[in-house]
């Protein structure tokens, strides 16, 4: 099963369908390796070519992404404390 989707590979209609059907629940920046909610202001500013989507937090973390410090602050603080 595909668990990471690249924004440029998805047509707008397909993207909306995957979000509606909960196949996509989180977005990430493939260059910075950060993931967050689909409503995050920081995530909405990134370029489409850097944007990826995940079905779950576990999938994002499996691919080496860390939580966003803005929209997922408690998860980010936990991640930060684990790496120190």
C-alpha atoms as a PDB file:
ATOM      1  CA  UNK A   1       0.000   0.000   0.000  1.00  0.00           C
ATOM      2  CA  UNK A   2       1.248   3.475  -0.867  1.00  0.00           C
ATOM      3  CA  UNK A   3       1.576   5.526   2.297  1.00  0.00           C
ATOM      4  CA  UNK A   4       3.273   8.681   1.004  1.00  0.00           C
ATOM      5  CA  UNK A   5       1.912  10.812  -1.831  1.00  0.00           C
ATOM      6  CA  UNK A   6       3.737  13.591  -3.687  1.00  0.00           C
ATOM      7  CA  UNK A   7       1.610  16.685  -4.312  1.00  0.00           C
ATOM      8  CA  UNK A   8       2.765  17.066  -7.911  1.00  0.00           C
ATOM      9  CA  UNK A   9       1.685  13.481  -8.662  1.00  0.00           C
ATOM     10  CA  UNK A  10      -1.930  14.150  -7.634  1.00  0.00           C
ATOM     11  CA  UNK A  11      -4.597  15.938  -9.644  1.00  0.00           C
ATOM     12  CA  UNK A  12      -6.667  18.367  -7.569  1.00  0.00           C
ATOM     13  CA  UNK A  13      -9.746  16.144  -7.723  1.00  0.00           C
ATOM     14  CA  UNK A  14      -7.736  13.082  -6.661  1.00  0.00           C
ATOM     15  CA  UNK A  15      -6.139  15.013  -3.782  1.00  0.00           C
ATOM     16  CA  UNK A  16      -9.535  16.172  -2.483  1.00  0.00           C
ATOM     17  CA  UNK A  17     -10.902  12.633  -2.772  1.00  0.00           C
ATOM     18  CA  UNK A  18      -8.005  11.174  -0.766  1.00  0.00           C
ATOM     19  CA  UNK A  19      -8.460  13.822   1.944  1.00  0.00           C
ATOM     20  CA  UNK A  20     -12.230  13.202   2.077  1.00  0.00           C
ATOM     21  CA  UNK A  21     -11.700   9.428   2.309  1.00  0.00           C
ATOM     22  CA  UNK A  22      -9.004   9.883   5.006  1.00  0.00           C
ATOM     23  CA  UNK A  23      -6.244   8.380   2.845  1.00  0.00           C
ATOM     24  CA  UNK A  24      -4.428  11.686   3.438  1.00  0.00           C
ATOM     25  CA  UNK A  25      -4.456  13.178   6.953  1.00  0.00           C
ATOM     26  CA  UNK A  26      -1.068  14.916   7.248  1.00  0.00           C
ATOM     27  CA  UNK A  27       1.186  16.961   4.998  1.00  0.00           C
ATOM     28  CA  UNK A  28       4.947  17.233   5.010  1.00  0.00           C
ATOM     29  CA  UNK A  29       7.907  19.046   3.535  1.00  0.00           C
ATOM     30  CA  UNK A  30      10.143  16.518   1.826  1.00  0.00           C
ATOM     31  CA  UNK A  31      13.222  18.764   1.950  1.00  0.00           C
ATOM     32  CA  UNK A  32      12.924  19.706   5.629  1.00  0.00           C
ATOM     33  CA  UNK A  33      11.514  16.308   6.696  1.00  0.00           C
ATOM     34  CA  UNK A  34       8.766  17.957   8.773  1.00  0.00           C
ATOM     35  CA  UNK A  35       5.101  16.878   8.841  1.00  0.00           C
ATOM     36  CA  UNK A  36       1.982  18.483  10.271  1.00  0.00           C
ATOM     37  CA  UNK A  37      -1.761  18.894   9.988  1.00  0.00           C
ATOM     38  CA  UNK A  38      -3.400  19.824   6.713  1.00  0.00           C
ATOM     39  CA  UNK A  39      -4.557  23.113   8.267  1.00  0.00           C
ATOM     40  CA  UNK A  40      -1.084  24.284   9.367  1.00  0.00           C
ATOM     41  CA  UNK A  41      -0.209  27.806   8.232  1.00  0.00           C
ATOM     42  CA  UNK A  42       3.445  26.818   7.781  1.00  0.00           C
ATOM     43  CA  UNK A  43       2.495  23.839   5.627  1.00  0.00           C
ATOM     44  CA  UNK A  44       0.217  25.887   3.414  1.00  0.00           C
ATOM     45  CA  UNK A  45       3.129  28.210   2.541  1.00  0.00           C
ATOM     46  CA  UNK A  46       5.434  25.517   1.188  1.00  0.00           C
ATOM     47  CA  UNK A  47       5.983  24.941  -2.506  1.00  0.00           C
ATOM     48  CA  UNK A  48       3.985  22.144  -4.134  1.00  0.00           C
ATOM     49  CA  UNK A  49       7.139  20.433  -5.337  1.00  0.00           C
ATOM     50  CA  UNK A  50       8.253  19.997  -1.706  1.00  0.00           C
ATOM     51  CA  UNK A  51       4.870  18.876  -0.356  1.00  0.00           C
ATOM     52  CA  UNK A  52       4.100  15.251   0.449  1.00  0.00           C
ATOM     53  CA  UNK A  53       1.095  13.695   2.153  1.00  0.00           C
ATOM     54  CA  UNK A  54       0.716  10.868   4.660  1.00  0.00           C
ATOM     55  CA  UNK A  55      -2.167   8.789   5.952  1.00  0.00           C
ATOM     56  CA  UNK A  56      -0.934   8.829   9.571  1.00  0.00           C
ATOM     57  CA  UNK A  57       1.671  10.139  11.990  1.00  0.00           C
ATOM     58  CA  UNK A  58       3.257   6.682  12.037  1.00  0.00           C
ATOM     59  CA  UNK A  59       3.693   6.710   8.261  1.00  0.00           C
ATOM     60  CA  UNK A  60       5.344  10.139   8.359  1.00  0.00           C
ATOM     61  CA  UNK A  61       7.693   9.113  11.153  1.00  0.00           C
ATOM     62  CA  UNK A  62       8.478   5.831   9.375  1.00  0.00           C
ATOM     63  CA  UNK A  63       9.773   7.930   6.469  1.00  0.00           C
ATOM     64  CA  UNK A  64      11.991   9.973   8.823  1.00  0.00           C
ATOM     65  CA  UNK A  65       9.798  13.067   9.248  1.00  0.00           C
ATOM     66  CA  UNK A  66       9.470  14.950  12.543  1.00  0.00           C
ATOM     67  CA  UNK A  67       6.381  16.766  13.900  1.00  0.00           C
ATOM     68  CA  UNK A  68       5.823  20.458  13.098  1.00  0.00           C
ATOM     69  CA  UNK A  69       6.614  22.858  15.938  1.00  0.00           C
ATOM     70  CA  UNK A  70       3.637  25.065  15.076  1.00  0.00           C
ATOM     71  CA  UNK A  71       0.584  22.849  14.558  1.00  0.00           C
ATOM     72  CA  UNK A  72       1.835  19.818  16.514  1.00  0.00           C
ATOM     73  CA  UNK A  73       3.632  21.515  19.381  1.00  0.00           C
ATOM     74  CA  UNK A  74       3.131  18.785  22.049  1.00  0.00           C
ATOM     75  CA  UNK A  75       4.363  16.094  19.638  1.00  0.00           C
ATOM     76  CA  UNK A  76       7.264  18.325  18.570  1.00  0.00           C
ATOM     77  CA  UNK A  77       8.324  18.897  22.207  1.00  0.00           C
ATOM     78  CA  UNK A  78       8.209  15.151  22.860  1.00  0.00           C
ATOM     79  CA  UNK A  79      10.292  14.491  19.714  1.00  0.00           C
ATOM     80  CA  UNK A  80      12.780  17.191  20.684  1.00  0.00           C
ATOM     81  CA  UNK A  81      13.212  15.784  24.201  1.00  0.00           C
ATOM     82  CA  UNK A  82      13.814  12.309  22.774  1.00  0.00           C
ATOM     83  CA  UNK A  83      16.688  13.439  20.534  1.00  0.00           C
ATOM     84  CA  UNK A  84      18.516  15.445  23.227  1.00  0.00           C
END
